[in-house]
């Protein structure tokens, strides 16, 4: 994959926003749908979350949507980033090393996205809580969940990543959340958000 997937995506703005948010409140259970007609994906996020101005596209990709919780330090980014080579479904299924390929994609993403995020958060420690292959008929998918020890406390950075078959890009849905004080309901909200990512067949 080219350079860091998270490069030039305006993390300074994100961090400043996180620092300014109030500490507590419960999110509305209702959701709204974001559908991207250009890259053919959609997901759902809480209806009371506020959409933010997205940064200018950089080498790391293009932020298609940025939104934050109105009441808690939780932020979601939908990012489309270029990759060097597209892979078709047939090519992927013919590869005897396809599991190794997915593991390598996860390793690179951990380094390029989550490693950079950890540095931007001035974290003293990054713990990989979970990596998982994602069942995704339209592409190669996986999810990653990490915890970062920051000066402000533990911060969760979790994402769903899908490379559509035949396309030279990866779609990333990333949630950044202060873990301290998060309720079980809030954790479930961002897990459902990440699980809601769907690709539409061309």
C-alpha atoms as a PDB file:
ATOM      1  CA  UNK A   1       0.000   0.000   0.000  1.00  0.00           C
ATOM      2  CA  UNK A   2       1.155   3.548  -0.638  1.00  0.00           C
ATOM      3  CA  UNK A   3       2.635   5.581   2.211  1.00  0.00           C
ATOM      4  CA  UNK A   4       0.614   5.711   5.430  1.00  0.00           C
ATOM      5  CA  UNK A   5      -3.122   5.300   4.899  1.00  0.00           C
ATOM      6  CA  UNK A   6      -3.742   7.909   7.554  1.00  0.00           C
ATOM      7  CA  UNK A   7      -1.240  10.471   6.286  1.00  0.00           C
ATOM      8  CA  UNK A   8      -2.442  14.027   5.709  1.00  0.00           C
ATOM      9  CA  UNK A   9      -5.942  13.331   7.047  1.00  0.00           C
ATOM     10  CA  UNK A  10      -6.084  16.197   9.515  1.00  0.00           C
ATOM     11  CA  UNK A  11      -5.377  14.334  12.751  1.00  0.00           C
ATOM     12  CA  UNK A  12      -4.474  17.592  14.510  1.00  0.00           C
ATOM     13  CA  UNK A  13      -8.043  18.801  13.964  1.00  0.00           C
ATOM     14  CA  UNK A  14      -9.375  15.501  15.246  1.00  0.00           C
ATOM     15  CA  UNK A  15      -7.226  15.606  18.383  1.00  0.00           C
ATOM     16  CA  UNK A  16      -8.183  19.194  19.151  1.00  0.00           C
ATOM     17  CA  UNK A  17     -11.838  18.272  18.798  1.00  0.00           C
ATOM     18  CA  UNK A  18     -11.430  15.258  21.095  1.00  0.00           C
ATOM     19  CA  UNK A  19      -9.825  17.406  23.757  1.00  0.00           C
ATOM     20  CA  UNK A  20     -12.662  19.947  23.669  1.00  0.00           C
ATOM     21  CA  UNK A  21     -15.579  17.531  24.047  1.00  0.00           C
ATOM     22  CA  UNK A  22     -17.543  17.213  27.283  1.00  0.00           C
ATOM     23  CA  UNK A  23     -17.141  14.053  29.319  1.00  0.00           C
ATOM     24  CA  UNK A  24     -20.538  12.417  29.396  1.00  0.00           C
ATOM     25  CA  UNK A  25     -24.028  11.788  27.978  1.00  0.00           C
ATOM     26  CA  UNK A  26     -25.961   9.112  26.221  1.00  0.00           C
ATOM     27  CA  UNK A  27     -26.324   8.938  22.454  1.00  0.00           C
ATOM     28  CA  UNK A  28     -29.654   8.734  20.689  1.00  0.00           C
ATOM     29  CA  UNK A  29     -30.472   5.189  19.562  1.00  0.00           C
ATOM     30  CA  UNK A  30     -31.731   6.372  16.147  1.00  0.00           C
ATOM     31  CA  UNK A  31     -29.317   6.151  13.238  1.00  0.00           C
ATOM     32  CA  UNK A  32     -28.807   7.798   9.889  1.00  0.00           C
ATOM     33  CA  UNK A  33     -27.347   6.259   6.746  1.00  0.00           C
ATOM     34  CA  UNK A  34     -24.370   7.532   4.797  1.00  0.00           C
ATOM     35  CA  UNK A  35     -24.312   6.189   1.237  1.00  0.00           C
ATOM     36  CA  UNK A  36     -21.343   6.902  -1.039  1.00  0.00           C
ATOM     37  CA  UNK A  37     -22.408   6.607  -4.679  1.00  0.00           C
ATOM     38  CA  UNK A  38     -18.902   7.114  -6.089  1.00  0.00           C
ATOM     39  CA  UNK A  39     -17.226   4.324  -4.137  1.00  0.00           C
ATOM     40  CA  UNK A  40     -20.408   2.292  -3.594  1.00  0.00           C
ATOM     41  CA  UNK A  41     -20.417   1.781   0.161  1.00  0.00           C
ATOM     42  CA  UNK A  42     -22.700   2.692   3.017  1.00  0.00           C
ATOM     43  CA  UNK A  43     -22.860   2.573   6.811  1.00  0.00           C
ATOM     44  CA  UNK A  44     -25.041   3.835   9.635  1.00  0.00           C
ATOM     45  CA  UNK A  45     -24.134   6.120  12.527  1.00  0.00           C
ATOM     46  CA  UNK A  46     -26.173   7.746  15.334  1.00  0.00           C
ATOM     47  CA  UNK A  47     -28.532  10.387  14.019  1.00  0.00           C
ATOM     48  CA  UNK A  48     -27.494  12.951  16.614  1.00  0.00           C
ATOM     49  CA  UNK A  49     -23.826  12.855  15.636  1.00  0.00           C
ATOM     50  CA  UNK A  50     -22.597  16.005  13.927  1.00  0.00           C
ATOM     51  CA  UNK A  51     -20.978  15.908  10.501  1.00  0.00           C
ATOM     52  CA  UNK A  52     -17.665  17.758  10.300  1.00  0.00           C
ATOM     53  CA  UNK A  53     -15.839  19.471   7.465  1.00  0.00           C
ATOM     54  CA  UNK A  54     -13.468  16.960   5.868  1.00  0.00           C
ATOM     55  CA  UNK A  55      -9.788  17.773   5.236  1.00  0.00           C
ATOM     56  CA  UNK A  56      -8.313  18.163   1.764  1.00  0.00           C
ATOM     57  CA  UNK A  57      -7.418  14.775   0.210  1.00  0.00           C
ATOM     58  CA  UNK A  58      -3.756  13.840   0.660  1.00  0.00           C
ATOM     59  CA  UNK A  59      -1.417  11.001  -0.215  1.00  0.00           C
ATOM     60  CA  UNK A  60      -3.061   8.832   2.420  1.00  0.00           C
ATOM     61  CA  UNK A  61      -6.451   9.105   0.782  1.00  0.00           C
ATOM     62  CA  UNK A  62      -9.685  11.026   0.930  1.00  0.00           C
ATOM     63  CA  UNK A  63     -11.950  11.440   3.935  1.00  0.00           C
ATOM     64  CA  UNK A  64     -15.448  10.946   2.553  1.00  0.00           C
ATOM     65  CA  UNK A  65     -17.231  11.622   5.843  1.00  0.00           C
ATOM     66  CA  UNK A  66     -16.233  12.795   9.304  1.00  0.00           C
ATOM     67  CA  UNK A  67     -18.706  12.887  12.186  1.00  0.00           C
ATOM     68  CA  UNK A  68     -18.525  13.225  15.952  1.00  0.00           C
ATOM     69  CA  UNK A  69     -20.771  12.416  18.844  1.00  0.00           C
ATOM     70  CA  UNK A  70     -22.620  15.446  20.128  1.00  0.00           C
ATOM     71  CA  UNK A  71     -22.060  14.376  23.717  1.00  0.00           C
ATOM     72  CA  UNK A  72     -19.029  12.084  24.005  1.00  0.00           C
ATOM     73  CA  UNK A  73     -15.442  12.034  22.752  1.00  0.00           C
ATOM     74  CA  UNK A  74     -16.176   9.675  19.864  1.00  0.00           C
ATOM     75  CA  UNK A  75     -15.293  10.374  16.238  1.00  0.00           C
ATOM     76  CA  UNK A  76     -15.865   8.396  13.023  1.00  0.00           C
ATOM     77  CA  UNK A  77     -14.026   8.776   9.712  1.00  0.00           C
ATOM     78  CA  UNK A  78     -14.853   7.117   6.403  1.00  0.00           C
ATOM     79  CA  UNK A  79     -11.660   7.107   4.315  1.00  0.00           C
ATOM     80  CA  UNK A  80     -10.891   5.887   0.796  1.00  0.00           C
ATOM     81  CA  UNK A  81      -7.173   5.303   0.210  1.00  0.00           C
ATOM     82  CA  UNK A  82      -5.337   4.173  -2.933  1.00  0.00           C
ATOM     83  CA  UNK A  83      -3.496   0.848  -3.101  1.00  0.00           C
ATOM     84  CA  UNK A  84      -0.885  -0.217  -5.624  1.00  0.00           C
ATOM     85  CA  UNK A  85      -2.678  -3.180  -7.194  1.00  0.00           C
ATOM     86  CA  UNK A  86      -6.297  -4.224  -7.505  1.00  0.00           C
ATOM     87  CA  UNK A  87      -7.235  -7.873  -7.044  1.00  0.00           C
ATOM     88  CA  UNK A  88     -10.218  -9.632  -8.577  1.00  0.00           C
ATOM     89  CA  UNK A  89     -12.339 -12.186  -6.767  1.00  0.00           C
ATOM     90  CA  UNK A  90     -11.027 -14.911  -9.088  1.00  0.00           C
ATOM     91  CA  UNK A  91      -7.401 -13.972  -8.433  1.00  0.00           C
ATOM     92  CA  UNK A  92      -7.976 -13.903  -4.696  1.00  0.00           C
ATOM     93  CA  UNK A  93      -9.768 -17.243  -4.574  1.00  0.00           C
ATOM     94  CA  UNK A  94      -7.101 -18.909  -6.733  1.00  0.00           C
ATOM     95  CA  UNK A  95      -4.288 -17.837  -4.404  1.00  0.00           C
ATOM     96  CA  UNK A  96      -3.184 -20.652  -2.085  1.00  0.00           C
ATOM     97  CA  UNK A  97      -1.661 -17.995   0.205  1.00  0.00           C
ATOM     98  CA  UNK A  98      -4.776 -15.824   0.492  1.00  0.00           C
ATOM     99  CA  UNK A  99      -4.871 -16.162   4.288  1.00  0.00           C
ATOM    100  CA  UNK A 100      -1.253 -15.021   4.432  1.00  0.00           C
ATOM    101  CA  UNK A 101      -2.137 -12.111   2.138  1.00  0.00           C
ATOM    102  CA  UNK A 102      -4.880 -10.953   4.509  1.00  0.00           C
ATOM    103  CA  UNK A 103      -2.504 -11.263   7.466  1.00  0.00           C
ATOM    104  CA  UNK A 104       0.018  -9.099   5.609  1.00  0.00           C
ATOM    105  CA  UNK A 105      -2.669  -6.498   4.841  1.00  0.00           C
ATOM    106  CA  UNK A 106      -3.573  -6.410   8.532  1.00  0.00           C
ATOM    107  CA  UNK A 107       0.092  -6.029   9.513  1.00  0.00           C
ATOM    108  CA  UNK A 108       0.609  -3.127   7.090  1.00  0.00           C
ATOM    109  CA  UNK A 109      -2.572  -1.427   8.220  1.00  0.00           C
ATOM    110  CA  UNK A 110      -1.547  -1.733  11.863  1.00  0.00           C
ATOM    111  CA  UNK A 111       1.743  -0.046  11.058  1.00  0.00           C
ATOM    112  CA  UNK A 112       0.495   2.603   8.654  1.00  0.00           C
ATOM    113  CA  UNK A 113      -2.825   3.593  10.232  1.00  0.00           C
ATOM    114  CA  UNK A 114      -2.822   2.565  13.879  1.00  0.00           C
ATOM    115  CA  UNK A 115       0.894   3.119  14.457  1.00  0.00           C
ATOM    116  CA  UNK A 116       0.666   6.633  13.044  1.00  0.00           C
ATOM    117  CA  UNK A 117      -2.470   7.344  15.057  1.00  0.00           C
ATOM    118  CA  UNK A 118      -0.666   6.201  18.201  1.00  0.00           C
ATOM    119  CA  UNK A 119       2.178   8.628  17.509  1.00  0.00           C
ATOM    120  CA  UNK A 120      -0.258  11.454  16.758  1.00  0.00           C
ATOM    121  CA  UNK A 121      -2.006  10.758  20.072  1.00  0.00           C
ATOM    122  CA  UNK A 122       1.399  10.908  21.855  1.00  0.00           C
ATOM    123  CA  UNK A 123       0.634   7.433  23.171  1.00  0.00           C
ATOM    124  CA  UNK A 124       3.211   5.663  25.288  1.00  0.00           C
ATOM    125  CA  UNK A 125       1.768   2.263  24.431  1.00  0.00           C
ATOM    126  CA  UNK A 126      -0.279   0.612  21.705  1.00  0.00           C
ATOM    127  CA  UNK A 127      -2.059  -2.670  22.405  1.00  0.00           C
ATOM    128  CA  UNK A 128      -3.634  -4.686  19.596  1.00  0.00           C
ATOM    129  CA  UNK A 129      -6.787  -6.042  21.211  1.00  0.00           C
ATOM    130  CA  UNK A 130      -8.161  -7.929  18.216  1.00  0.00           C
ATOM    131  CA  UNK A 131      -7.709  -8.509  14.499  1.00  0.00           C
ATOM    132  CA  UNK A 132     -10.295 -10.453  12.583  1.00  0.00           C
ATOM    133  CA  UNK A 133     -11.013 -11.529   9.032  1.00  0.00           C
ATOM    134  CA  UNK A 134     -14.305 -10.009   7.898  1.00  0.00           C
ATOM    135  CA  UNK A 135     -16.792 -11.912   5.772  1.00  0.00           C
ATOM    136  CA  UNK A 136     -17.300  -9.639   2.786  1.00  0.00           C
ATOM    137  CA  UNK A 137     -18.483 -11.063  -0.534  1.00  0.00           C
ATOM    138  CA  UNK A 138     -17.688  -7.879  -2.536  1.00  0.00           C
ATOM    139  CA  UNK A 139     -14.070  -7.665  -1.338  1.00  0.00           C
ATOM    140  CA  UNK A 140     -11.289  -8.564   1.075  1.00  0.00           C
ATOM    141  CA  UNK A 141     -12.244  -7.350   4.526  1.00  0.00           C
ATOM    142  CA  UNK A 142     -10.839  -7.315   8.048  1.00  0.00           C
ATOM    143  CA  UNK A 143     -11.295  -5.460  11.326  1.00  0.00           C
ATOM    144  CA  UNK A 144      -8.807  -4.170  13.893  1.00  0.00           C
ATOM    145  CA  UNK A 145      -9.310  -3.016  17.483  1.00  0.00           C
ATOM    146  CA  UNK A 146      -6.530  -1.240  19.396  1.00  0.00           C
ATOM    147  CA  UNK A 147      -6.072   0.624  22.687  1.00  0.00           C
ATOM    148  CA  UNK A 148      -3.610   3.503  23.082  1.00  0.00           C
ATOM    149  CA  UNK A 149      -2.253   4.778  26.397  1.00  0.00           C
ATOM    150  CA  UNK A 150      -2.313   8.566  26.010  1.00  0.00           C
ATOM    151  CA  UNK A 151      -1.695  11.469  28.422  1.00  0.00           C
ATOM    152  CA  UNK A 152      -5.484  11.911  28.625  1.00  0.00           C
ATOM    153  CA  UNK A 153      -6.098   8.211  29.327  1.00  0.00           C
ATOM    154  CA  UNK A 154      -6.891   5.101  27.323  1.00  0.00           C
ATOM    155  CA  UNK A 155      -8.134   5.766  23.789  1.00  0.00           C
ATOM    156  CA  UNK A 156      -9.764   3.203  21.520  1.00  0.00           C
ATOM    157  CA  UNK A 157      -8.966   3.220  17.806  1.00  0.00           C
ATOM    158  CA  UNK A 158     -10.957   0.595  15.917  1.00  0.00           C
ATOM    159  CA  UNK A 159     -11.668   0.108  12.253  1.00  0.00           C
ATOM    160  CA  UNK A 160     -13.277  -1.923   9.528  1.00  0.00           C
ATOM    161  CA  UNK A 161     -11.285  -2.173   6.289  1.00  0.00           C
ATOM    162  CA  UNK A 162     -12.488  -3.511   2.937  1.00  0.00           C
ATOM    163  CA  UNK A 163     -10.679  -3.727  -0.407  1.00  0.00           C
ATOM    164  CA  UNK A 164     -13.379  -4.116  -3.081  1.00  0.00           C
ATOM    165  CA  UNK A 165     -12.567  -6.775  -5.655  1.00  0.00           C
ATOM    166  CA  UNK A 166     -11.196  -5.243  -8.835  1.00  0.00           C
ATOM    167  CA  UNK A 167     -10.698  -1.763  -7.346  1.00  0.00           C
ATOM    168  CA  UNK A 168      -7.368  -0.019  -6.554  1.00  0.00           C
ATOM    169  CA  UNK A 169      -8.430   1.364  -3.177  1.00  0.00           C
ATOM    170  CA  UNK A 170      -9.312   0.398   0.375  1.00  0.00           C
ATOM    171  CA  UNK A 171     -12.350   1.675   2.264  1.00  0.00           C
ATOM    172  CA  UNK A 172     -11.679   2.344   5.949  1.00  0.00           C
ATOM    173  CA  UNK A 173     -14.288   3.094   8.572  1.00  0.00           C
ATOM    174  CA  UNK A 174     -12.414   4.281  11.670  1.00  0.00           C
ATOM    175  CA  UNK A 175     -13.704   5.078  15.158  1.00  0.00           C
ATOM    176  CA  UNK A 176     -11.613   6.993  17.698  1.00  0.00           C
ATOM    177  CA  UNK A 177     -13.033   7.109  21.222  1.00  0.00           C
ATOM    178  CA  UNK A 178     -11.871   7.942  24.697  1.00  0.00           C
ATOM    179  CA  UNK A 179     -12.256   4.645  26.526  1.00  0.00           C
ATOM    180  CA  UNK A 180     -12.470   6.161  30.009  1.00  0.00           C
ATOM    181  CA  UNK A 181     -16.063   6.399  31.154  1.00  0.00           C
ATOM    182  CA  UNK A 182     -17.459   4.618  28.101  1.00  0.00           C
ATOM    183  CA  UNK A 183     -20.608   2.681  28.930  1.00  0.00           C
ATOM    184  CA  UNK A 184     -21.502  -0.741  27.560  1.00  0.00           C
ATOM    185  CA  UNK A 185     -24.170   0.938  25.440  1.00  0.00           C
ATOM    186  CA  UNK A 186     -21.657   3.332  23.897  1.00  0.00           C
ATOM    187  CA  UNK A 187     -19.211   0.526  23.151  1.00  0.00           C
ATOM    188  CA  UNK A 188     -22.017  -1.385  21.467  1.00  0.00           C
ATOM    189  CA  UNK A 189     -22.911   1.730  19.456  1.00  0.00           C
ATOM    190  CA  UNK A 190     -19.481   2.039  17.880  1.00  0.00           C
ATOM    191  CA  UNK A 191     -19.224  -1.724  17.324  1.00  0.00           C
ATOM    192  CA  UNK A 192     -22.530  -1.665  15.439  1.00  0.00           C
ATOM    193  CA  UNK A 193     -21.335   1.364  13.486  1.00  0.00           C
ATOM    194  CA  UNK A 194     -18.221  -0.489  12.342  1.00  0.00           C
ATOM    195  CA  UNK A 195     -20.206  -3.649  11.571  1.00  0.00           C
ATOM    196  CA  UNK A 196     -22.682  -1.675   9.454  1.00  0.00           C
ATOM    197  CA  UNK A 197     -20.188  -1.018   6.638  1.00  0.00           C
ATOM    198  CA  UNK A 198     -21.520  -2.566   3.431  1.00  0.00           C
ATOM    199  CA  UNK A 199     -20.333  -2.532  -0.170  1.00  0.00           C
ATOM    200  CA  UNK A 200     -22.708  -2.422  -3.096  1.00  0.00           C
ATOM    201  CA  UNK A 201     -21.937  -4.574  -6.120  1.00  0.00           C
ATOM    202  CA  UNK A 202     -21.134  -2.576  -9.296  1.00  0.00           C
END
